[in-house]
Amino acid sequence: MRVAAIVVSWNSAEHLPALLASLEAQEHPDLEVVVVDNASVDASVAAVRQARATAVRHPVRLLRSVTNRGFCGGVNDALATLDPEVAAVLLVNPDVVLAPDLVGVCVARLATQSRCGSVQPKLLRSFPGPDGRPVLDTTGHELTTARLYRNRGEGESDLDAHVGGEVFGASGACVLHRRAMLEDVRWRDGQVLTEDLVAYFDDIELDWRARRRGWTAWYEPTATATHERGGAGPRRTRRVEALNLANRLLVLVTCDAPRWRDWPAIVVTTALKATELGLTVPSAVPGTLRQLGGLPAAWARRRELDARATLTARAVAEAHARPFRWGGWIRSWWRRIRGRSPGVAPRGRAGARSRHGQPPVER
């Protein structure tokens, strides 16, 4: 199976050499690496050119954008350049380092199930936990009845408690997608990832669209990588906060149809998040309102998705939604605010840059 790895970079020179070296080391024989540079001003382009010049196993291509197109725009630009023979696409963040067999293991899993659209590897955080054990970053996306999404297993010691199996969705930090699935969920305007979302919740929206078209996602624990998640509280930015709050609502409008019993938790958690934003990052409020200007476009996408879906939103939720636990959510929120999420960069460290240049914030 021919695979293309797509990396979207913005001022990621610190992390690109390790990622590109791990892609060059992949044992899967048919792999191309495509790096989209979103108008970086650091040494990112030089790092890619160096990797391209020294590549032996897997060719490296560089696409340079004159503006920052965000993660979604960068991925869409790369997809448009792929050879028709490419059957699977690995999306991977610059701050990820892959085990040498990751692509091969994920390809093997994809080949076993014709309706498997995405394979989620086991992602571990770059720093050990207090007990010295590796810390899980994600074993796939989990949908809750409050329509809050979590990376399953995040912050837990890696004790192999999460076995391989079907999950609601896969993290865009590192995931292998079947190209046929990506083409199947493509919007009429040609976008695969929804560019209005820029860089956050695009993977959640893709989860919904794929599930509603009858594709599945699978967690594969034998495929592993590390992810230097940047944390939250100490490095929050108004752009990231605005996207996180607004995009959750845009995805709900586009893809979802919660039952009445779920709405109280949705309303309360949204109100709490909005209040926190207004108190702690008030400069993000105008950006949130601007981002919510995309609601009419979200409604239009909703009509398009409903017309093409093979499963209703409620059928997907009935199959995948887990009961929302207030206690766990509050504890996780408090750890992030204090900058003490297990396995993330210490408070004084610069931390990872996200898909469009800001530290990633957990959802």
Protein backbone atom coordinates (compact mmCIF):
# COMPACT_ATOMS: atom_id res chain seq x y z
CA MET A 1 0.00 0.00 0.00
CA ARG A 2 1.43 3.33 -1.05
CA VAL A 3 1.46 5.90 1.77
CA ALA A 4 2.03 9.65 1.89
CA ALA A 5 2.98 11.28 5.19
CA ILE A 6 1.79 14.89 5.42
CA VAL A 7 3.47 17.25 7.87
CA VAL A 8 2.19 20.82 8.29
CA SER A 9 4.89 23.05 9.74
CA TRP A 10 4.95 26.59 11.10
CA ASN A 11 8.22 27.68 12.70
CA SER A 12 8.87 24.05 13.70
CA ALA A 13 12.63 23.91 13.15
CA GLU A 14 13.16 22.68 16.71
CA HIS A 15 11.17 19.51 16.10
CA LEU A 16 11.33 18.75 12.38
CA PRO A 17 14.74 16.99 12.32
CA ALA A 18 13.65 14.31 14.81
CA LEU A 19 10.30 13.76 13.09
CA LEU A 20 11.80 13.61 9.60
CA ALA A 21 14.50 11.21 10.78
CA SER A 22 11.82 8.93 12.21
CA LEU A 23 9.93 9.05 8.91
CA GLU A 24 13.10 8.23 6.97
CA ALA A 25 13.59 5.24 9.31
CA GLN A 26 10.15 3.77 8.56
CA GLU A 27 10.31 0.13 7.53
CA HIS A 28 7.28 0.37 5.25
CA PRO A 29 8.78 0.32 1.74
CA ASP A 30 6.42 2.64 -0.14
CA LEU A 31 6.31 5.97 1.67
CA GLU A 32 6.56 9.57 0.51
CA VAL A 33 6.97 12.51 2.91
CA VAL A 34 5.28 15.81 2.06
CA VAL A 35 6.04 18.83 4.27
CA VAL A 36 3.84 21.90 3.92
CA ASP A 37 5.54 24.97 5.32
CA ASN A 38 3.09 27.68 6.38
CA ALA A 39 5.34 30.70 5.76
CA SER A 40 7.83 29.94 8.54
CA VAL A 41 10.37 32.58 9.48
CA ASP A 42 12.74 30.24 11.33
CA ALA A 43 14.96 27.46 9.96
CA SER A 44 12.09 25.08 9.17
CA VAL A 45 12.64 25.18 5.40
CA ALA A 46 16.35 24.52 5.84
CA ALA A 47 15.57 21.50 8.04
CA VAL A 48 13.28 20.05 5.37
CA ARG A 49 15.81 20.67 2.61
CA GLN A 50 18.48 18.92 4.66
CA ALA A 51 16.20 15.93 5.16
CA ARG A 52 15.37 15.89 1.46
CA ALA A 53 19.04 15.96 0.49
CA THR A 54 19.94 13.05 2.77
CA ALA A 55 16.84 10.89 2.24
CA VAL A 56 17.64 7.37 1.08
CA ARG A 57 14.57 5.27 1.85
CA HIS A 58 11.72 7.72 1.42
CA PRO A 59 11.60 10.84 -0.78
CA VAL A 60 10.77 14.19 0.82
CA ARG A 61 8.83 16.96 -0.92
CA LEU A 62 8.51 20.54 0.30
CA LEU A 63 5.47 22.70 -0.41
CA ARG A 64 5.87 26.34 0.61
CA SER A 65 2.87 28.54 1.28
CA VAL A 66 3.23 32.30 1.08
CA THR A 67 0.77 32.68 3.96
CA ASN A 68 -0.11 30.66 7.05
CA ARG A 69 -2.96 28.48 5.76
CA GLY A 70 -3.50 26.76 9.09
CA PHE A 71 -3.39 23.02 9.56
CA CYS A 72 -6.53 22.35 7.54
CA GLY A 73 -5.48 24.47 4.59
CA GLY A 74 -2.02 22.94 4.60
CA VAL A 75 -3.37 19.38 4.59
CA ASN A 76 -5.79 20.19 1.78
CA ASP A 77 -2.97 21.74 -0.26
CA ALA A 78 -0.84 18.60 0.20
CA LEU A 79 -3.69 16.22 -0.63
CA ALA A 80 -4.19 18.02 -3.94
CA THR A 81 -0.62 17.14 -5.00
CA LEU A 82 -0.67 13.41 -4.20
CA ASP A 83 -0.31 10.74 -6.84
CA PRO A 84 -3.58 8.84 -7.52
CA GLU A 85 -1.82 5.63 -6.47
CA VAL A 86 -1.46 6.82 -2.86
CA ALA A 87 -3.90 4.67 -0.87
CA ALA A 88 -3.30 5.93 2.66
CA VAL A 89 -2.34 9.24 4.23
CA LEU A 90 -0.42 9.65 7.48
CA LEU A 91 -1.12 12.99 9.16
CA VAL A 92 1.59 13.75 11.70
CA ASN A 93 2.49 16.81 13.76
CA PRO A 94 6.05 18.15 13.79
CA ASP A 95 6.45 17.36 17.52
CA VAL A 96 5.87 13.62 17.04
CA VAL A 97 8.56 10.93 16.73
CA LEU A 98 7.48 7.59 15.25
CA ALA A 99 8.68 4.08 16.04
CA PRO A 100 10.24 2.55 12.88
CA ASP A 101 7.39 0.08 12.33
CA LEU A 102 4.49 2.49 12.90
CA VAL A 103 3.47 2.99 9.28
CA GLY A 104 3.77 -0.71 8.48
CA VAL A 105 1.72 -1.78 11.49
CA CYS A 106 -1.01 0.76 10.74
CA VAL A 107 -1.11 -0.25 7.06
CA ALA A 108 -1.49 -3.90 8.05
CA ARG A 109 -4.42 -3.02 10.31
CA LEU A 110 -6.05 -0.89 7.60
CA ALA A 111 -5.79 -3.79 5.17
CA THR A 112 -7.72 -6.18 7.42
CA GLN A 113 -11.00 -4.22 7.41
CA SER A 114 -12.45 -2.72 4.25
CA ARG A 115 -14.52 -0.12 6.13
CA CYS A 116 -11.76 0.91 8.51
CA GLY A 117 -11.09 4.52 7.57
CA SER A 118 -8.56 5.51 10.25
CA VAL A 119 -5.96 3.83 12.44
CA GLN A 120 -4.91 5.50 15.69
CA PRO A 121 -1.46 4.54 17.01
CA LYS A 122 -0.62 4.61 20.71
CA LEU A 123 0.78 8.08 21.39
CA LEU A 124 2.95 8.54 24.45
CA ARG A 125 4.01 11.86 25.93
CA SER A 126 7.66 12.79 25.75
CA PHE A 127 8.17 13.05 29.50
CA PRO A 128 7.62 10.25 32.05
CA GLY A 129 5.12 10.58 34.87
CA PRO A 130 5.96 11.03 38.57
CA ASP A 131 6.36 7.25 38.90
CA GLY A 132 8.85 7.14 36.03
CA ARG A 133 6.48 5.25 33.73
CA PRO A 134 5.60 6.41 30.21
CA VAL A 135 2.47 8.56 30.09
CA LEU A 136 -0.27 8.11 27.52
CA ASP A 137 -1.09 11.02 25.26
CA THR A 138 -3.99 9.38 23.42
CA THR A 139 -5.41 6.03 22.44
CA GLY A 140 -8.11 7.65 20.33
CA HIS A 141 -10.89 10.19 20.70
CA GLU A 142 -13.70 9.59 23.14
CA LEU A 143 -17.10 11.22 22.71
CA THR A 144 -19.05 12.10 25.87
CA THR A 145 -22.72 12.81 26.38
CA ALA A 146 -21.79 16.43 27.23
CA ARG A 147 -20.16 16.68 23.79
CA LEU A 148 -16.81 17.25 25.38
CA TYR A 149 -14.12 15.23 23.65
CA ARG A 150 -11.14 13.71 25.36
CA ASN A 151 -8.05 11.86 24.29
CA ARG A 152 -8.75 8.46 25.78
CA GLY A 153 -6.18 7.55 28.40
CA GLU A 154 -4.53 11.00 28.41
CA GLY A 155 -2.30 11.53 31.42
CA GLU A 156 -2.48 7.88 32.53
CA SER A 157 0.57 5.70 33.09
CA ASP A 158 0.96 3.31 30.18
CA LEU A 159 -0.07 -0.02 31.68
CA ASP A 160 -1.47 -1.49 28.45
CA ALA A 161 -4.98 -1.08 29.85
CA HIS A 162 -6.41 0.04 26.50
CA VAL A 163 -6.59 -2.88 24.11
CA GLY A 164 -6.91 -2.60 20.36
CA GLY A 165 -10.38 -2.04 19.05
CA GLU A 166 -12.86 0.37 17.54
CA VAL A 167 -12.91 3.95 18.86
CA PHE A 168 -15.00 7.02 18.12
CA GLY A 169 -12.14 8.76 16.39
CA ALA A 170 -8.45 9.41 15.97
CA SER A 171 -6.18 12.30 16.89
CA GLY A 172 -4.87 14.44 14.08
CA ALA A 173 -1.50 14.56 15.87
CA CYS A 174 -0.68 11.17 14.33
CA VAL A 175 -3.15 9.05 12.39
CA LEU A 176 -3.23 6.91 9.26
CA HIS A 177 -6.30 7.58 7.11
CA ARG A 178 -7.52 5.50 4.20
CA ARG A 179 -7.51 7.84 1.23
CA ALA A 180 -10.81 6.44 -0.03
CA MET A 181 -12.40 7.56 3.23
CA LEU A 182 -10.97 11.06 2.89
CA GLU A 183 -12.32 11.28 -0.65
CA ASP A 184 -15.70 9.94 0.46
CA VAL A 185 -16.19 12.65 3.09
CA ARG A 186 -14.83 15.50 0.95
CA TRP A 187 -17.13 18.53 0.93
CA ARG A 188 -18.69 19.67 -2.33
CA ASP A 189 -16.38 22.70 -2.37
CA GLY A 190 -13.39 20.33 -2.51
CA GLN A 191 -12.20 20.63 1.09
CA VAL A 192 -11.32 17.44 2.97
CA LEU A 193 -10.51 19.17 6.25
CA THR A 194 -12.79 22.11 6.96
CA GLU A 195 -10.66 25.22 6.61
CA ASP A 196 -13.04 27.39 8.63
CA LEU A 197 -11.84 25.43 11.68
CA VAL A 198 -8.21 26.41 10.97
CA ALA A 199 -6.45 23.95 13.29
CA TYR A 200 -8.64 22.78 16.17
CA PHE A 201 -11.53 20.29 16.24
CA ASP A 202 -10.93 19.54 12.56
CA ASP A 203 -10.07 15.96 13.55
CA ILE A 204 -13.22 15.73 15.71
CA GLU A 205 -15.32 16.95 12.80
CA LEU A 206 -13.64 14.41 10.52
CA ASP A 207 -14.46 11.69 13.08
CA TRP A 208 -18.14 12.63 12.89
CA ARG A 209 -18.25 12.83 9.11
CA ALA A 210 -16.54 9.46 8.71
CA ARG A 211 -18.76 7.75 11.30
CA ARG A 212 -21.88 9.15 9.66
CA ARG A 213 -20.72 7.76 6.31
CA GLY A 214 -20.24 4.31 7.84
CA TRP A 215 -16.45 4.27 8.21
CA THR A 216 -14.84 3.04 11.42
CA ALA A 217 -11.74 4.05 13.38
CA TRP A 218 -9.43 1.55 15.10
CA TYR A 219 -6.94 1.92 17.94
CA GLU A 220 -3.78 -0.07 17.26
CA PRO A 221 -1.63 -0.32 20.44
CA THR A 222 1.30 -2.05 18.72
CA ALA A 223 1.98 1.07 16.63
CA THR A 224 3.66 3.67 18.84
CA ALA A 225 4.98 7.22 18.75
CA THR A 226 5.84 9.99 21.20
CA HIS A 227 4.14 13.39 21.18
CA GLU A 228 5.55 16.44 22.91
CA ARG A 229 2.26 18.00 23.92
CA GLY A 230 2.76 21.63 24.91
CA GLY A 231 0.46 21.75 27.90
CA ALA A 232 -2.09 24.45 28.62
CA GLY A 233 -2.32 26.90 31.48
CA PRO A 234 1.15 28.51 31.41
CA ARG A 235 1.14 28.91 27.62
CA ARG A 236 -2.46 29.68 26.73
CA THR A 237 -2.97 32.13 23.88
CA ARG A 238 -6.05 34.04 22.83
CA ARG A 239 -6.04 32.51 19.33
CA VAL A 240 -5.96 28.95 20.62
CA GLU A 241 -8.61 29.62 23.27
CA ALA A 242 -10.93 31.30 20.78
CA LEU A 243 -10.65 28.41 18.32
CA ASN A 244 -11.18 25.76 21.00
CA LEU A 245 -14.37 27.29 22.36
CA ALA A 246 -15.93 28.35 19.07
CA ASN A 247 -14.99 25.27 17.04
CA ARG A 248 -16.62 22.93 19.54
CA LEU A 249 -19.90 24.70 18.80
CA LEU A 250 -19.31 24.78 15.05
CA VAL A 251 -18.74 21.01 15.03
CA LEU A 252 -21.90 20.47 17.07
CA VAL A 253 -23.91 22.47 14.52
CA THR A 254 -22.32 20.74 11.54
CA CYS A 255 -22.42 17.12 12.66
CA ASP A 256 -24.43 16.44 15.79
CA ALA A 257 -28.04 16.15 17.01
CA PRO A 258 -27.92 15.67 20.80
CA ARG A 259 -30.95 14.28 22.62
CA TRP A 260 -32.78 16.56 25.02
CA ARG A 261 -31.33 14.71 28.01
CA ASP A 262 -27.81 15.67 26.90
CA TRP A 263 -28.44 19.38 26.47
CA PRO A 264 -28.21 20.44 30.15
CA ALA A 265 -24.60 19.19 30.39
CA ILE A 266 -23.77 20.74 27.02
CA VAL A 267 -25.17 24.12 28.05
CA VAL A 268 -23.54 24.10 31.49
CA THR A 269 -20.09 23.06 30.26
CA THR A 270 -20.26 25.64 27.47
CA ALA A 271 -21.25 28.35 29.95
CA LEU A 272 -18.42 27.36 32.30
CA LYS A 273 -15.89 27.38 29.48
CA ALA A 274 -17.11 30.77 28.25
CA THR A 275 -16.98 32.21 31.78
CA GLU A 276 -13.48 30.88 32.33
CA LEU A 277 -12.37 32.38 29.02
CA GLY A 278 -13.86 35.76 29.90
CA LEU A 279 -12.12 35.78 33.29
CA THR A 280 -8.74 34.32 32.41
CA VAL A 281 -8.14 35.22 28.73
CA PRO A 282 -10.56 38.10 28.08
CA SER A 283 -8.62 39.14 24.99
CA ALA A 284 -9.82 35.88 23.35
CA VAL A 285 -13.51 36.85 23.51
CA PRO A 286 -13.52 38.99 20.32
CA GLY A 287 -11.77 36.20 18.42
CA THR A 288 -14.34 33.69 19.67
CA LEU A 289 -17.17 35.87 18.42
CA ARG A 290 -15.46 36.30 15.05
CA GLN A 291 -14.97 32.55 14.75
CA LEU A 292 -18.65 31.99 15.56
CA GLY A 293 -19.41 34.09 12.51
CA GLY A 294 -18.91 30.79 10.70
CA LEU A 295 -22.23 29.42 12.02
CA PRO A 296 -24.15 30.01 8.76
CA ALA A 297 -21.49 28.06 6.84
CA ALA A 298 -21.68 25.31 9.46
CA TRP A 299 -25.44 25.07 8.93
CA ALA A 300 -24.89 24.75 5.18
CA ARG A 301 -22.36 21.97 5.75
CA ARG A 302 -24.88 20.31 8.07
CA ARG A 303 -27.46 20.14 5.28
CA GLU A 304 -24.86 18.67 2.93
CA LEU A 305 -23.78 16.06 5.48
CA ASP A 306 -27.35 15.08 6.39
CA ALA A 307 -28.15 14.56 2.71
CA ARG A 308 -25.21 12.18 2.22
CA ALA A 309 -24.98 10.42 5.58
CA THR A 310 -25.73 6.73 5.90
CA LEU A 311 -26.07 6.97 9.69
CA THR A 312 -27.87 9.62 11.74
CA ALA A 313 -25.99 11.69 14.29
CA ARG A 314 -28.02 10.08 17.05
CA ALA A 315 -27.15 6.59 15.84
CA VAL A 316 -23.45 7.49 16.01
CA ALA A 317 -23.85 8.97 19.48
CA GLU A 318 -25.78 5.94 20.73
CA ALA A 319 -22.92 3.72 19.55
CA HIS A 320 -20.03 5.81 20.86
CA ALA A 321 -21.00 8.39 23.49
CA ARG A 322 -19.76 7.69 27.02
CA PRO A 323 -21.37 9.13 30.16
CA PHE A 324 -19.90 12.46 31.11
CA ARG A 325 -18.08 12.48 34.48
CA TRP A 326 -17.99 15.89 36.13
CA GLY A 327 -15.33 14.97 38.68
CA GLY A 328 -12.78 13.77 36.16
CA TRP A 329 -13.38 16.79 33.93
CA ILE A 330 -12.87 19.26 36.78
CA ARG A 331 -9.70 17.50 38.00
CA SER A 332 -8.25 17.45 34.49
CA TRP A 333 -9.14 21.12 33.98
CA TRP A 334 -7.46 22.10 37.25
CA ARG A 335 -4.26 20.23 36.35
CA ARG A 336 -4.09 21.99 32.99
CA ILE A 337 -4.71 25.43 34.47
CA ARG A 338 -1.86 24.85 36.93
CA GLY A 339 0.40 23.52 34.19
CA ARG A 340 0.73 20.11 35.81
CA SER A 341 -0.62 17.76 33.18
CA PRO A 342 1.39 14.52 33.44
CA GLY A 343 3.96 13.97 30.73
CA VAL A 344 3.92 17.47 29.22
CA ALA A 345 6.74 19.97 29.08
CA PRO A 346 7.58 21.50 32.49
CA ARG A 347 6.33 25.01 33.19
CA GLY A 348 9.62 26.66 32.36
CA ARG A 349 10.11 24.89 29.05
CA ALA A 350 9.20 26.52 25.75
CA GLY A 351 7.10 23.52 24.82
CA ALA A 352 5.81 22.22 21.52
CA ARG A 353 4.25 24.39 18.89
CA SER A 354 0.91 23.31 17.54
CA ARG A 355 -0.33 23.00 14.01
CA HIS A 356 -0.52 26.72 13.34
CA GLY A 357 2.15 27.90 15.69
CA GLN A 358 0.57 27.98 19.14
CA PRO A 359 0.84 25.47 22.00
CA PRO A 360 -1.90 22.85 21.74
CA VAL A 361 -4.69 22.98 24.29
CA GLU A 362 -6.52 19.88 25.39
CA ARG A 363 -10.19 19.79 24.75
